[in-house]
Amino acid sequence: LLRELRKHRVLHFIEGADAGDMQMGLAVLRPVMSFVSDEALEDALRLA
């Protein structure tokens, strides 16, 4: 899943021995702002 997110340039990480471990570090990238619309985020908050 993380590799797919990285492919879409919304996330970056360096694969290592901890790949997939819950403590591994990730970097959220600026392109996520245009990949997900404001409406989708607002709907998520409303449904939550």
All heavy atoms as atom14 arrays in JSON, in Angstrom:
{
  "sequence": "LLRELRKHRVLHFIEGADAGDMQMGLAVLRPVMSFVSDEALEDALRLA",
  "atom14_mask": [
    [1, 1, 1, 1, 1, 1, 1, 1, 0, 0, 0, 0, 0, 0],
    [1, 1, 1, 1, 1, 1, 1, 1, 0, 0, 0, 0, 0, 0],
    [1, 1, 1, 1, 1, 1, 1, 1, 1, 1, 1, 0, 0, 0],
    [1, 1, 1, 1, 1, 1, 1, 1, 1, 0, 0, 0, 0, 0],
    [1, 1, 1, 1, 1, 1, 1, 1, 0, 0, 0, 0, 0, 0],
    [1, 1, 1, 1, 1, 1, 1, 1, 1, 1, 1, 0, 0, 0],
    [1, 1, 1, 1, 1, 1, 1, 1, 1, 0, 0, 0, 0, 0],
    [1, 1, 1, 1, 1, 1, 1, 1, 1, 1, 0, 0, 0, 0],
    [1, 1, 1, 1, 1, 1, 1, 1, 1, 1, 1, 0, 0, 0],
    [1, 1, 1, 1, 1, 1, 1, 0, 0, 0, 0, 0, 0, 0],
    [1, 1, 1, 1, 1, 1, 1, 1, 0, 0, 0, 0, 0, 0],
    [1, 1, 1, 1, 1, 1, 1, 1, 1, 1, 0, 0, 0, 0],
    [1, 1, 1, 1, 1, 1, 1, 1, 1, 1, 1, 0, 0, 0],
    [1, 1, 1, 1, 1, 1, 1, 1, 0, 0, 0, 0, 0, 0],
    [1, 1, 1, 1, 1, 1, 1, 1, 1, 0, 0, 0, 0, 0],
    [1, 1, 1, 1, 0, 0, 0, 0, 0, 0, 0, 0, 0, 0],
    [1, 1, 1, 1, 1, 0, 0, 0, 0, 0, 0, 0, 0, 0],
    [1, 1, 1, 1, 1, 1, 1, 1, 0, 0, 0, 0, 0, 0],
    [1, 1, 1, 1, 1, 0, 0, 0, 0, 0, 0, 0, 0, 0],
    [1, 1, 1, 1, 0, 0, 0, 0, 0, 0, 0, 0, 0, 0],
    [1, 1, 1, 1, 1, 1, 1, 1, 0, 0, 0, 0, 0, 0],
    [1, 1, 1, 1, 1, 1, 1, 1, 0, 0, 0, 0, 0, 0],
    [1, 1, 1, 1, 1, 1, 1, 1, 1, 0, 0, 0, 0, 0],
    [1, 1, 1, 1, 1, 1, 1, 1, 0, 0, 0, 0, 0, 0],
    [1, 1, 1, 1, 0, 0, 0, 0, 0, 0, 0, 0, 0, 0],
    [1, 1, 1, 1, 1, 1, 1, 1, 0, 0, 0, 0, 0, 0],
    [1, 1, 1, 1, 1, 0, 0, 0, 0, 0, 0, 0, 0, 0],
    [1, 1, 1, 1, 1, 1, 1, 0, 0, 0, 0, 0, 0, 0],
    [1, 1, 1, 1, 1, 1, 1, 1, 0, 0, 0, 0, 0, 0],
    [1, 1, 1, 1, 1, 1, 1, 1, 1, 1, 1, 0, 0, 0],
    [1, 1, 1, 1, 1, 1, 1, 0, 0, 0, 0, 0, 0, 0],
    [1, 1, 1, 1, 1, 1, 1, 0, 0, 0, 0, 0, 0, 0],
    [1, 1, 1, 1, 1, 1, 1, 1, 0, 0, 0, 0, 0, 0],
    [1, 1, 1, 1, 1, 1, 0, 0, 0, 0, 0, 0, 0, 0],
    [1, 1, 1, 1, 1, 1, 1, 1, 1, 1, 1, 0, 0, 0],
    [1, 1, 1, 1, 1, 1, 1, 0, 0, 0, 0, 0, 0, 0],
    [1, 1, 1, 1, 1, 1, 0, 0, 0, 0, 0, 0, 0, 0],
    [1, 1, 1, 1, 1, 1, 1, 1, 0, 0, 0, 0, 0, 0],
    [1, 1, 1, 1, 1, 1, 1, 1, 1, 0, 0, 0, 0, 0],
    [1, 1, 1, 1, 1, 0, 0, 0, 0, 0, 0, 0, 0, 0],
    [1, 1, 1, 1, 1, 1, 1, 1, 0, 0, 0, 0, 0, 0],
    [1, 1, 1, 1, 1, 1, 1, 1, 1, 0, 0, 0, 0, 0],
    [1, 1, 1, 1, 1, 1, 1, 1, 0, 0, 0, 0, 0, 0],
    [1, 1, 1, 1, 1, 0, 0, 0, 0, 0, 0, 0, 0, 0],
    [1, 1, 1, 1, 1, 1, 1, 1, 0, 0, 0, 0, 0, 0],
    [1, 1, 1, 1, 1, 1, 1, 1, 1, 1, 1, 0, 0, 0],
    [1, 1, 1, 1, 1, 1, 1, 1, 0, 0, 0, 0, 0, 0],
    [1, 1, 1, 1, 1, 0, 0, 0, 0, 0, 0, 0, 0, 0]
  ],
  "atom14_positions": [
    [[0.83, -1.2, 0.0], [0.0, 0.0, 0.0], [0.87, 1.25, 0.0], [0.61, 2.21, -0.75], [-0.92, -0.01, 1.21], [-1.73, 1.27, 1.46], [-2.67, 1.56, 0.29], [-2.51, 1.15, 2.77], [0.0, 0.0, 0.0], [0.0, 0.0, 0.0], [0.0, 0.0, 0.0], [0.0, 0.0, 0.0], [0.0, 0.0, 0.0], [0.0, 0.0, 0.0]],
    [[1.9, 1.27, 0.82], [2.79, 2.43, 0.89], [3.5, 2.65, -0.45], [3.69, 3.8, -0.87], [3.82, 2.23, 2.0], [3.26, 2.21, 3.43], [4.38, 1.91, 4.43], [2.59, 3.53, 3.78], [0.0, 0.0, 0.0], [0.0, 0.0, 0.0], [0.0, 0.0, 0.0], [0.0, 0.0, 0.0], [0.0, 0.0, 0.0], [0.0, 0.0, 0.0]],
    [[3.87, 1.57, -1.11], [4.52, 1.71, -2.42], [3.56, 2.34, -3.43], [3.99, 3.13, -4.27], [4.99, 0.34, -2.91], [6.23, -0.19, -2.19], [6.51, -1.61, -2.58], [7.74, -2.11, -1.97], [8.07, -3.4, -1.92], [7.25, -4.3, -2.47], [9.19, -3.78, -1.36], [0.0, 0.0, 0.0], [0.0, 0.0, 0.0], [0.0, 0.0, 0.0]],
    [[2.28, 1.97, -3.36], [1.3, 2.55, -4.27], [1.11, 4.03, -3.99], [1.01, 4.85, -4.91], [-0.03, 1.8, -4.13], [-1.11, 2.22, -5.12], [-0.8, 1.82, -6.55], [0.13, 1.01, -6.76], [-1.48, 2.33, -7.45], [0.0, 0.0, 0.0], [0.0, 0.0, 0.0], [0.0, 0.0, 0.0], [0.0, 0.0, 0.0], [0.0, 0.0, 0.0]],
    [[1.1, 4.4, -2.71], [0.99, 5.82, -2.34], [2.22, 6.59, -2.81], [2.11, 7.73, -3.27], [0.83, 5.95, -0.83], [-0.51, 5.45, -0.27], [-0.41, 5.24, 1.25], [-1.64, 6.43, -0.59], [0.0, 0.0, 0.0], [0.0, 0.0, 0.0], [0.0, 0.0, 0.0], [0.0, 0.0, 0.0], [0.0, 0.0, 0.0], [0.0, 0.0, 0.0]],
    [[3.38, 5.96, -2.69], [4.61, 6.61, -3.16], [4.6, 6.79, -4.68], [5.05, 7.82, -5.19], [5.83, 5.78, -2.73], [7.16, 6.41, -3.12], [8.33, 5.66, -2.52], [8.4, 4.29, -3.01], [9.28, 3.38, -2.57], [10.15, 3.71, -1.61], [9.29, 2.16, -3.05], [0.0, 0.0, 0.0], [0.0, 0.0, 0.0], [0.0, 0.0, 0.0]],
    [[4.07, 5.82, -5.37], [3.98, 5.91, -6.84], [3.17, 7.13, -7.27], [3.5, 7.78, -8.27], [3.33, 4.64, -7.39], [3.0, 4.69, -8.86], [2.22, 3.46, -9.29], [1.72, 3.6, -10.72], [0.9, 2.43, -11.14], [0.0, 0.0, 0.0], [0.0, 0.0, 0.0], [0.0, 0.0, 0.0], [0.0, 0.0, 0.0], [0.0, 0.0, 0.0]],
    [[2.14, 7.48, -6.49], [1.29, 8.61, -6.83], [1.84, 9.93, -6.28], [1.16, 10.96, -6.35], [-0.13, 8.38, -6.3], [-0.9, 7.37, -7.09], [-1.59, 7.7, -8.23], [-1.07, 6.03, -6.93], [-2.17, 6.61, -8.73], [-1.86, 5.59, -7.96], [0.0, 0.0, 0.0], [0.0, 0.0, 0.0], [0.0, 0.0, 0.0], [0.0, 0.0, 0.0]],
    [[3.04, 9.91, -5.72], [3.74, 11.1, -5.25], [3.0, 11.81, -4.11], [3.06, 13.04, -4.0], [3.97, 12.1, -6.39], [4.7, 11.52, -7.6], [6.14, 11.19, -7.3], [6.86, 10.89, -8.53], [7.1, 9.67, -9.0], [6.65, 8.61, -8.32], [7.78, 9.49, -10.11], [0.0, 0.0, 0.0], [0.0, 0.0, 0.0], [0.0, 0.0, 0.0]],
    [[2.31, 11.07, -3.27], [1.67, 11.68, -2.11], [2.41, 11.31, -0.82], [2.12, 11.85, 0.24], [0.18, 11.27, -1.99], [-0.59, 11.76, -3.19], [0.01, 9.77, -1.81], [0.0, 0.0, 0.0], [0.0, 0.0, 0.0], [0.0, 0.0, 0.0], [0.0, 0.0, 0.0], [0.0, 0.0, 0.0], [0.0, 0.0, 0.0], [0.0, 0.0, 0.0]],
    [[3.36, 10.39, -0.93], [4.06, 9.89, 0.24], [5.48, 9.49, -0.17], [5.71, 9.07, -1.3], [3.33, 8.65, 0.79], [3.76, 8.1, 2.16], [3.39, 9.09, 3.26], [3.07, 6.76, 2.41], [0.0, 0.0, 0.0], [0.0, 0.0, 0.0], [0.0, 0.0, 0.0], [0.0, 0.0, 0.0], [0.0, 0.0, 0.0], [0.0, 0.0, 0.0]],
    [[6.42, 9.68, 0.77], [7.79, 9.23, 0.53], [8.28, 8.45, 1.75], [7.96, 8.79, 2.89], [8.73, 10.4, 0.27], [10.16, 9.99, 0.1], [10.61, 9.35, -1.03], [11.23, 10.1, 0.92], [11.89, 9.09, -0.91], [12.29, 9.54, 0.26], [0.0, 0.0, 0.0], [0.0, 0.0, 0.0], [0.0, 0.0, 0.0], [0.0, 0.0, 0.0]],
    [[9.04, 7.41, 1.48], [9.68, 6.67, 2.56], [10.86, 5.92, 1.97], [10.95, 5.69, 0.76], [8.71, 5.7, 3.24], [8.22, 4.6, 2.33], [8.84, 3.35, 2.3], [7.12, 4.8, 1.51], [8.39, 2.36, 1.46], [6.65, 3.8, 0.67], [7.29, 2.57, 0.64], [0.0, 0.0, 0.0], [0.0, 0.0, 0.0], [0.0, 0.0, 0.0]],
    [[11.78, 5.55, 2.83], [12.95, 4.78, 2.42], [12.76, 3.35, 2.91], [12.55, 3.12, 4.1], [14.25, 5.38, 3.01], [14.44, 6.81, 2.48], [15.45, 4.52, 2.66], [15.61, 7.54, 3.09], [0.0, 0.0, 0.0], [0.0, 0.0, 0.0], [0.0, 0.0, 0.0], [0.0, 0.0, 0.0], [0.0, 0.0, 0.0], [0.0, 0.0, 0.0]],
    [[12.81, 2.43, 1.99], [12.59, 1.04, 2.36], [13.81, 0.5, 3.11], [14.95, 0.7, 2.71], [12.31, 0.2, 1.11], [11.02, 0.59, 0.42], [10.5, -0.5, -0.5], [10.64, -1.69, -0.12], [9.97, -0.16, -1.56], [0.0, 0.0, 0.0], [0.0, 0.0, 0.0], [0.0, 0.0, 0.0], [0.0, 0.0, 0.0], [0.0, 0.0, 0.0]],
    [[13.53, -0.17, 4.22], [14.58, -0.77, 5.01], [14.05, -1.98, 5.75], [13.01, -2.54, 5.39], [0.0, 0.0, 0.0], [0.0, 0.0, 0.0], [0.0, 0.0, 0.0], [0.0, 0.0, 0.0], [0.0, 0.0, 0.0], [0.0, 0.0, 0.0], [0.0, 0.0, 0.0], [0.0, 0.0, 0.0], [0.0, 0.0, 0.0], [0.0, 0.0, 0.0]],
    [[14.75, -2.35, 6.8], [14.34, -3.53, 7.57], [13.0, -3.32, 8.25], [12.3, -4.29, 8.56], [15.41, -3.86, 8.61], [0.0, 0.0, 0.0], [0.0, 0.0, 0.0], [0.0, 0.0, 0.0], [0.0, 0.0, 0.0], [0.0, 0.0, 0.0], [0.0, 0.0, 0.0], [0.0, 0.0, 0.0], [0.0, 0.0, 0.0], [0.0, 0.0, 0.0]],
    [[12.62, -2.05, 8.47], [11.37, -1.76, 9.17], [10.21, -1.52, 8.2], [9.14, -1.07, 8.62], [11.52, -0.55, 10.08], [11.81, 0.74, 9.3], [12.22, 0.64, 8.12], [11.63, 1.83, 9.86], [0.0, 0.0, 0.0], [0.0, 0.0, 0.0], [0.0, 0.0, 0.0], [0.0, 0.0, 0.0], [0.0, 0.0, 0.0], [0.0, 0.0, 0.0]],
    [[10.39, -1.81, 6.91], [9.35, -1.55, 5.92], [8.06, -2.27, 6.3], [8.05, -3.48, 6.5], [9.8, -1.99, 4.53], [0.0, 0.0, 0.0], [0.0, 0.0, 0.0], [0.0, 0.0, 0.0], [0.0, 0.0, 0.0], [0.0, 0.0, 0.0], [0.0, 0.0, 0.0], [0.0, 0.0, 0.0], [0.0, 0.0, 0.0], [0.0, 0.0, 0.0]],
    [[6.98, -1.52, 6.4], [5.69, -2.09, 6.78], [5.47, -2.14, 8.27], [4.35, -2.41, 8.73], [0.0, 0.0, 0.0], [0.0, 0.0, 0.0], [0.0, 0.0, 0.0], [0.0, 0.0, 0.0], [0.0, 0.0, 0.0], [0.0, 0.0, 0.0], [0.0, 0.0, 0.0], [0.0, 0.0, 0.0], [0.0, 0.0, 0.0], [0.0, 0.0, 0.0]],
    [[6.52, -1.87, 9.07], [6.38, -1.84, 10.52], [5.66, -0.57, 10.94], [5.86, 0.49, 10.34], [7.76, -1.92, 11.19], [7.67, -1.97, 12.71], [7.48, -3.07, 13.24], [7.8, -0.89, 13.33], [0.0, 0.0, 0.0], [0.0, 0.0, 0.0], [0.0, 0.0, 0.0], [0.0, 0.0, 0.0], [0.0, 0.0, 0.0], [0.0, 0.0, 0.0]],
    [[4.85, -0.64, 11.97], [4.04, 0.5, 12.36], [4.86, 1.69, 12.84], [4.37, 2.8, 12.89], [3.04, 0.09, 13.45], [2.05, -0.98, 13.01], [1.09, -0.5, 11.54], [0.02, 0.75, 12.22], [0.0, 0.0, 0.0], [0.0, 0.0, 0.0], [0.0, 0.0, 0.0], [0.0, 0.0, 0.0], [0.0, 0.0, 0.0], [0.0, 0.0, 0.0]],
    [[6.12, 1.48, 13.18], [6.96, 2.58, 13.67], [7.8, 3.22, 12.57], [8.52, 4.18, 12.83], [7.89, 2.07, 14.79], [7.14, 1.49, 15.98], [6.09, 2.44, 16.53], [6.35, 3.63, 16.72], [4.89, 1.91, 16.78], [0.0, 0.0, 0.0], [0.0, 0.0, 0.0], [0.0, 0.0, 0.0], [0.0, 0.0, 0.0], [0.0, 0.0, 0.0]],
    [[7.69, 2.73, 11.33], [8.53, 3.28, 10.27], [8.14, 4.73, 9.99], [6.98, 5.13, 10.15], [8.41, 2.42, 9.0], [7.1, 2.55, 8.25], [7.06, 1.59, 6.7], [8.29, 2.45, 5.72], [0.0, 0.0, 0.0], [0.0, 0.0, 0.0], [0.0, 0.0, 0.0], [0.0, 0.0, 0.0], [0.0, 0.0, 0.0], [0.0, 0.0, 0.0]],
    [[9.11, 5.51, 9.57], [8.87, 6.92, 9.29], [8.39, 7.16, 7.87], [8.84, 6.51, 6.92], [0.0, 0.0, 0.0], [0.0, 0.0, 0.0], [0.0, 0.0, 0.0], [0.0, 0.0, 0.0], [0.0, 0.0, 0.0], [0.0, 0.0, 0.0], [0.0, 0.0, 0.0], [0.0, 0.0, 0.0], [0.0, 0.0, 0.0], [0.0, 0.0, 0.0]],
    [[7.48, 8.12, 7.71], [6.92, 8.49, 6.42], [6.98, 10.0, 6.26], [7.01, 10.73, 7.24], [5.46, 8.03, 6.3], [5.14, 6.56, 6.62], [3.63, 6.36, 6.67], [5.79, 5.64, 5.61], [0.0, 0.0, 0.0], [0.0, 0.0, 0.0], [0.0, 0.0, 0.0], [0.0, 0.0, 0.0], [0.0, 0.0, 0.0], [0.0, 0.0, 0.0]],
    [[6.96, 10.46, 5.03], [6.88, 11.89, 4.74], [5.69, 12.14, 3.81], [5.65, 11.59, 2.71], [8.17, 12.4, 4.1], [0.0, 0.0, 0.0], [0.0, 0.0, 0.0], [0.0, 0.0, 0.0], [0.0, 0.0, 0.0], [0.0, 0.0, 0.0], [0.0, 0.0, 0.0], [0.0, 0.0, 0.0], [0.0, 0.0, 0.0], [0.0, 0.0, 0.0]],
    [[4.73, 12.93, 4.26], [3.57, 13.28, 3.44], [3.99, 14.44, 2.54], [4.57, 15.42, 3.01], [2.37, 13.69, 4.31], [1.12, 13.8, 3.44], [2.15, 12.7, 5.44], [0.0, 0.0, 0.0], [0.0, 0.0, 0.0], [0.0, 0.0, 0.0], [0.0, 0.0, 0.0], [0.0, 0.0, 0.0], [0.0, 0.0, 0.0], [0.0, 0.0, 0.0]],
    [[3.68, 14.34, 1.25], [4.17, 15.29, 0.26], [3.09, 16.26, -0.19], [1.9, 15.95, -0.18], [4.72, 14.54, -0.95], [5.82, 13.51, -0.64], [6.23, 12.78, -1.91], [7.02, 14.17, 0.03], [0.0, 0.0, 0.0], [0.0, 0.0, 0.0], [0.0, 0.0, 0.0], [0.0, 0.0, 0.0], [0.0, 0.0, 0.0], [0.0, 0.0, 0.0]],
    [[3.5, 17.42, -0.66], [2.6, 18.49, -1.1], [1.56, 18.06, -2.15], [0.41, 18.51, -2.11], [3.45, 19.66, -1.62], [2.71, 20.75, -2.39], [1.71, 21.48, -1.53], [1.03, 22.53, -2.28], [0.04, 22.33, -3.14], [-0.39, 21.11, -3.39], [-0.52, 23.34, -3.77], [0.0, 0.0, 0.0], [0.0, 0.0, 0.0], [0.0, 0.0, 0.0]],
    [[1.89, 17.17, -3.1], [0.9, 16.78, -4.12], [-0.38, 16.14, -3.57], [-1.36, 16.04, -4.3], [1.67, 15.8, -5.0], [3.09, 16.26, -4.91], [3.24, 16.68, -3.47], [0.0, 0.0, 0.0], [0.0, 0.0, 0.0], [0.0, 0.0, 0.0], [0.0, 0.0, 0.0], [0.0, 0.0, 0.0], [0.0, 0.0, 0.0], [0.0, 0.0, 0.0]],
    [[-0.38, 15.73, -2.31], [-1.61, 15.14, -1.76], [-2.74, 16.17, -1.75], [-3.92, 15.81, -1.79], [-1.37, 14.59, -0.34], [-1.25, 15.72, 0.7], [-2.46, 13.61, 0.07], [0.0, 0.0, 0.0], [0.0, 0.0, 0.0], [0.0, 0.0, 0.0], [0.0, 0.0, 0.0], [0.0, 0.0, 0.0], [0.0, 0.0, 0.0], [0.0, 0.0, 0.0]],
    [[-2.4, 17.45, -1.73], [-3.43, 18.48, -1.66], [-4.27, 18.54, -2.93], [-5.46, 18.84, -2.87], [-2.78, 19.85, -1.43], [-2.12, 20.0, -0.06], [-3.3, 19.82, 1.3], [-4.33, 21.27, 1.04], [0.0, 0.0, 0.0], [0.0, 0.0, 0.0], [0.0, 0.0, 0.0], [0.0, 0.0, 0.0], [0.0, 0.0, 0.0], [0.0, 0.0, 0.0]],
    [[-3.68, 18.23, -4.07], [-4.45, 18.24, -5.31], [-4.97, 16.87, -5.67], [-5.87, 16.74, -6.5], [-3.61, 18.8, -6.47], [-2.45, 18.01, -6.69], [0.0, 0.0, 0.0], [0.0, 0.0, 0.0], [0.0, 0.0, 0.0], [0.0, 0.0, 0.0], [0.0, 0.0, 0.0], [0.0, 0.0, 0.0], [0.0, 0.0, 0.0], [0.0, 0.0, 0.0]],
    [[-4.43, 15.82, -5.05], [-4.9, 14.47, -5.36], [-6.26, 14.2, -4.73], [-7.09, 13.49, -5.28], [-3.89, 13.45, -4.88], [-4.16, 12.06, -5.38], [-3.94, 11.74, -6.71], [-4.64, 11.08, -4.54], [-4.2, 10.46, -7.18], [-4.9, 9.81, -5.0], [-4.67, 9.49, -6.33], [0.0, 0.0, 0.0], [0.0, 0.0, 0.0], [0.0, 0.0, 0.0]],
    [[-6.49, 14.76, -3.55], [-7.76, 14.59, -2.84], [-8.47, 15.93, -2.81], [-7.91, 16.92, -2.35], [-7.55, 14.08, -1.4], [-8.88, 13.97, -0.67], [-6.84, 12.73, -1.41], [0.0, 0.0, 0.0], [0.0, 0.0, 0.0], [0.0, 0.0, 0.0], [0.0, 0.0, 0.0], [0.0, 0.0, 0.0], [0.0, 0.0, 0.0], [0.0, 0.0, 0.0]],
    [[-9.7, 15.97, -3.28], [-10.45, 17.22, -3.34], [-10.88, 17.68, -1.95], [-10.97, 16.89, -1.01], [-11.68, 17.06, -4.23], [-12.62, 16.22, -3.6], [0.0, 0.0, 0.0], [0.0, 0.0, 0.0], [0.0, 0.0, 0.0], [0.0, 0.0, 0.0], [0.0, 0.0, 0.0], [0.0, 0.0, 0.0], [0.0, 0.0, 0.0], [0.0, 0.0, 0.0]],
    [[-11.16, 18.97, -1.83], [-11.71, 19.51, -0.59], [-13.03, 18.82, -0.25], [-13.31, 18.54, 0.92], [-11.94, 21.02, -0.72], [-10.64, 21.8, -0.8], [-9.61, 21.29, -0.34], [-10.67, 22.92, -1.33], [0.0, 0.0, 0.0], [0.0, 0.0, 0.0], [0.0, 0.0, 0.0], [0.0, 0.0, 0.0], [0.0, 0.0, 0.0], [0.0, 0.0, 0.0]],
    [[-13.83, 18.54, -1.28], [-15.13, 17.91, -1.05], [-14.99, 16.51, -0.46], [-15.75, 16.13, 0.43], [-15.92, 17.83, -2.37], [-16.39, 19.18, -2.9], [-15.32, 19.89, -3.7], [-14.17, 19.39, -3.75], [-15.61, 20.96, -4.26], [0.0, 0.0, 0.0], [0.0, 0.0, 0.0], [0.0, 0.0, 0.0], [0.0, 0.0, 0.0], [0.0, 0.0, 0.0]],
    [[-14.01, 15.74, -0.94], [-13.81, 14.39, -0.41], [-13.41, 14.45, 1.06], [-13.89, 13.66, 1.88], [-12.74, 13.66, -1.22], [0.0, 0.0, 0.0], [0.0, 0.0, 0.0], [0.0, 0.0, 0.0], [0.0, 0.0, 0.0], [0.0, 0.0, 0.0], [0.0, 0.0, 0.0], [0.0, 0.0, 0.0], [0.0, 0.0, 0.0], [0.0, 0.0, 0.0]],
    [[-12.52, 15.4, 1.4], [-12.11, 15.53, 2.79], [-13.27, 15.98, 3.66], [-13.48, 15.46, 4.77], [-10.95, 16.52, 2.89], [-10.38, 16.73, 4.3], [-9.87, 15.43, 4.89], [-9.26, 17.76, 4.26], [0.0, 0.0, 0.0], [0.0, 0.0, 0.0], [0.0, 0.0, 0.0], [0.0, 0.0, 0.0], [0.0, 0.0, 0.0], [0.0, 0.0, 0.0]],
    [[-14.05, 16.94, 3.18], [-15.2, 17.42, 3.95], [-16.23, 16.31, 4.16], [-16.81, 16.19, 5.24], [-15.85, 18.6, 3.21], [-14.99, 19.87, 3.25], [-15.5, 20.93, 2.3], [-16.55, 20.69, 1.65], [-14.86, 21.99, 2.19], [0.0, 0.0, 0.0], [0.0, 0.0, 0.0], [0.0, 0.0, 0.0], [0.0, 0.0, 0.0], [0.0, 0.0, 0.0]],
    [[-16.44, 15.49, 3.15], [-17.37, 14.37, 3.29], [-16.86, 13.37, 4.32], [-17.63, 12.79, 5.09], [-17.58, 13.67, 1.95], [-18.5, 14.45, 1.03], [-19.14, 15.41, 1.51], [-18.57, 14.12, -0.16], [0.0, 0.0, 0.0], [0.0, 0.0, 0.0], [0.0, 0.0, 0.0], [0.0, 0.0, 0.0], [0.0, 0.0, 0.0], [0.0, 0.0, 0.0]],
    [[-15.54, 13.16, 4.34], [-14.95, 12.25, 5.32], [-15.2, 12.74, 6.73], [-15.6, 11.98, 7.63], [-13.45, 12.09, 5.07], [0.0, 0.0, 0.0], [0.0, 0.0, 0.0], [0.0, 0.0, 0.0], [0.0, 0.0, 0.0], [0.0, 0.0, 0.0], [0.0, 0.0, 0.0], [0.0, 0.0, 0.0], [0.0, 0.0, 0.0], [0.0, 0.0, 0.0]],
    [[-14.98, 14.03, 6.95], [-15.2, 14.6, 8.28], [-16.69, 14.56, 8.66], [-17.03, 14.29, 9.81], [-14.69, 16.04, 8.3], [-13.18, 16.22, 8.09], [-12.83, 17.7, 7.95], [-12.41, 15.6, 9.24], [0.0, 0.0, 0.0], [0.0, 0.0, 0.0], [0.0, 0.0, 0.0], [0.0, 0.0, 0.0], [0.0, 0.0, 0.0], [0.0, 0.0, 0.0]],
    [[-17.55, 14.81, 7.67], [-18.98, 14.78, 7.95], [-19.43, 13.37, 8.33], [-20.16, 13.19, 9.31], [-19.76, 15.25, 6.72], [-21.29, 15.17, 6.88], [-22.0, 15.68, 5.64], [-21.57, 15.0, 4.44], [-22.02, 13.8, 4.08], [-22.89, 13.15, 4.84], [-21.6, 13.24, 2.96], [0.0, 0.0, 0.0], [0.0, 0.0, 0.0], [0.0, 0.0, 0.0]],
    [[-18.99, 12.38, 7.57], [-19.38, 11.0, 7.86], [-18.78, 10.53, 9.18], [-19.42, 9.78, 9.91], [-18.95, 10.09, 6.71], [-19.72, 10.27, 5.4], [-19.13, 9.39, 4.31], [-21.19, 9.94, 5.59], [0.0, 0.0, 0.0], [0.0, 0.0, 0.0], [0.0, 0.0, 0.0], [0.0, 0.0, 0.0], [0.0, 0.0, 0.0], [0.0, 0.0, 0.0]],
    [[-17.54, 10.96, 9.46], [-16.94, 10.59, 10.73], [-17.72, 11.19, 11.89], [-17.91, 10.57, 12.93], [-15.48, 11.05, 10.77], [0.0, 0.0, 0.0], [0.0, 0.0, 0.0], [0.0, 0.0, 0.0], [0.0, 0.0, 0.0], [0.0, 0.0, 0.0], [0.0, 0.0, 0.0], [0.0, 0.0, 0.0], [0.0, 0.0, 0.0], [0.0, 0.0, 0.0]]
  ]
}
